[in-house]
Amino acid sequence: MGDIEDEEDEEEEKQPQNNEAYMSQQEVADVLGLSRNRISEIEKKALEKFKYHLFRKYKKKDVL
């Protein structure tokens, strides 16, 4: 039965600490076992890719 309690504790730890349903970079890092700096790098690269594809699909003036 201890295993079930451990699983429930793990699920609770993965919940965002604020009420906005967003997780901080540190919370994501803790869940994934990465550094906050690495999460920041991944986030930056993901946003660059998003902007690239967004601007390819739409004219820049329509987006901004």
Protein backbone atom coordinates (compact mmCIF):
# COMPACT_ATOMS: atom_id res chain seq x y z
CA MET A 1 0.00 0.00 0.00
CA GLY A 2 2.95 2.33 0.45
CA ASP A 3 3.41 2.36 -3.32
CA ILE A 4 -0.02 3.90 -3.89
CA GLU A 5 0.72 6.69 -1.41
CA ASP A 6 4.08 7.33 -3.10
CA GLU A 7 2.38 7.62 -6.50
CA GLU A 8 -0.17 10.07 -5.09
CA ASP A 9 2.62 12.16 -3.56
CA GLU A 10 4.42 12.24 -6.93
CA GLU A 11 1.27 13.45 -8.69
CA GLU A 12 0.80 16.21 -6.13
CA GLU A 13 4.40 17.35 -6.60
CA LYS A 14 3.83 17.83 -10.34
CA GLN A 15 1.01 20.30 -9.81
CA PRO A 16 1.80 24.00 -10.36
CA GLN A 17 2.40 25.89 -7.14
CA ASN A 18 0.39 28.92 -8.20
CA ASN A 19 -3.31 29.12 -9.03
CA GLU A 20 -2.83 30.03 -12.67
CA ALA A 21 -2.19 26.43 -13.87
CA TYR A 22 1.28 27.49 -15.02
CA MET A 23 4.56 26.10 -13.76
CA SER A 24 7.68 28.13 -13.14
CA GLN A 25 10.89 27.16 -14.89
CA GLN A 26 12.19 25.85 -11.56
CA GLU A 27 9.09 23.68 -11.06
CA VAL A 28 9.50 22.22 -14.57
CA ALA A 29 13.21 21.65 -13.93
CA ASP A 30 12.47 19.81 -10.69
CA VAL A 31 9.88 17.55 -12.35
CA LEU A 32 12.12 16.73 -15.33
CA GLY A 33 15.35 16.50 -13.37
CA LEU A 34 17.03 19.26 -15.38
CA SER A 35 18.55 22.57 -14.37
CA ARG A 36 16.50 25.75 -14.54
CA ASN A 37 19.08 27.09 -16.97
CA ARG A 38 18.50 24.16 -19.35
CA ILE A 39 14.74 24.70 -19.17
CA SER A 40 15.34 28.36 -20.07
CA GLU A 41 17.42 27.33 -23.10
CA ILE A 42 14.74 24.88 -24.26
CA GLU A 43 12.02 27.51 -23.80
CA LYS A 44 14.00 30.10 -25.78
CA LYS A 45 14.60 27.69 -28.66
CA ALA A 46 10.93 26.64 -28.70
CA LEU A 47 9.81 30.29 -28.89
CA GLU A 48 12.25 30.96 -31.73
CA LYS A 49 10.83 27.99 -33.68
CA PHE A 50 7.27 29.13 -32.96
CA LYS A 51 8.00 32.66 -34.22
CA TYR A 52 9.74 31.30 -37.32
CA HIS A 53 6.75 29.17 -38.31
CA LEU A 54 4.27 31.87 -37.35
CA PHE A 55 6.01 34.46 -39.54
CA ARG A 56 6.29 31.97 -42.41
CA LYS A 57 2.55 31.42 -42.37
CA TYR A 58 1.45 35.01 -41.81
CA LYS A 59 2.80 38.35 -42.85
CA LYS A 60 4.79 39.97 -40.08
CA LYS A 61 2.52 43.03 -39.99
CA ASP A 62 -0.53 40.78 -39.43
CA VAL A 63 1.07 39.14 -36.41
CA LEU A 64 2.54 42.17 -34.69
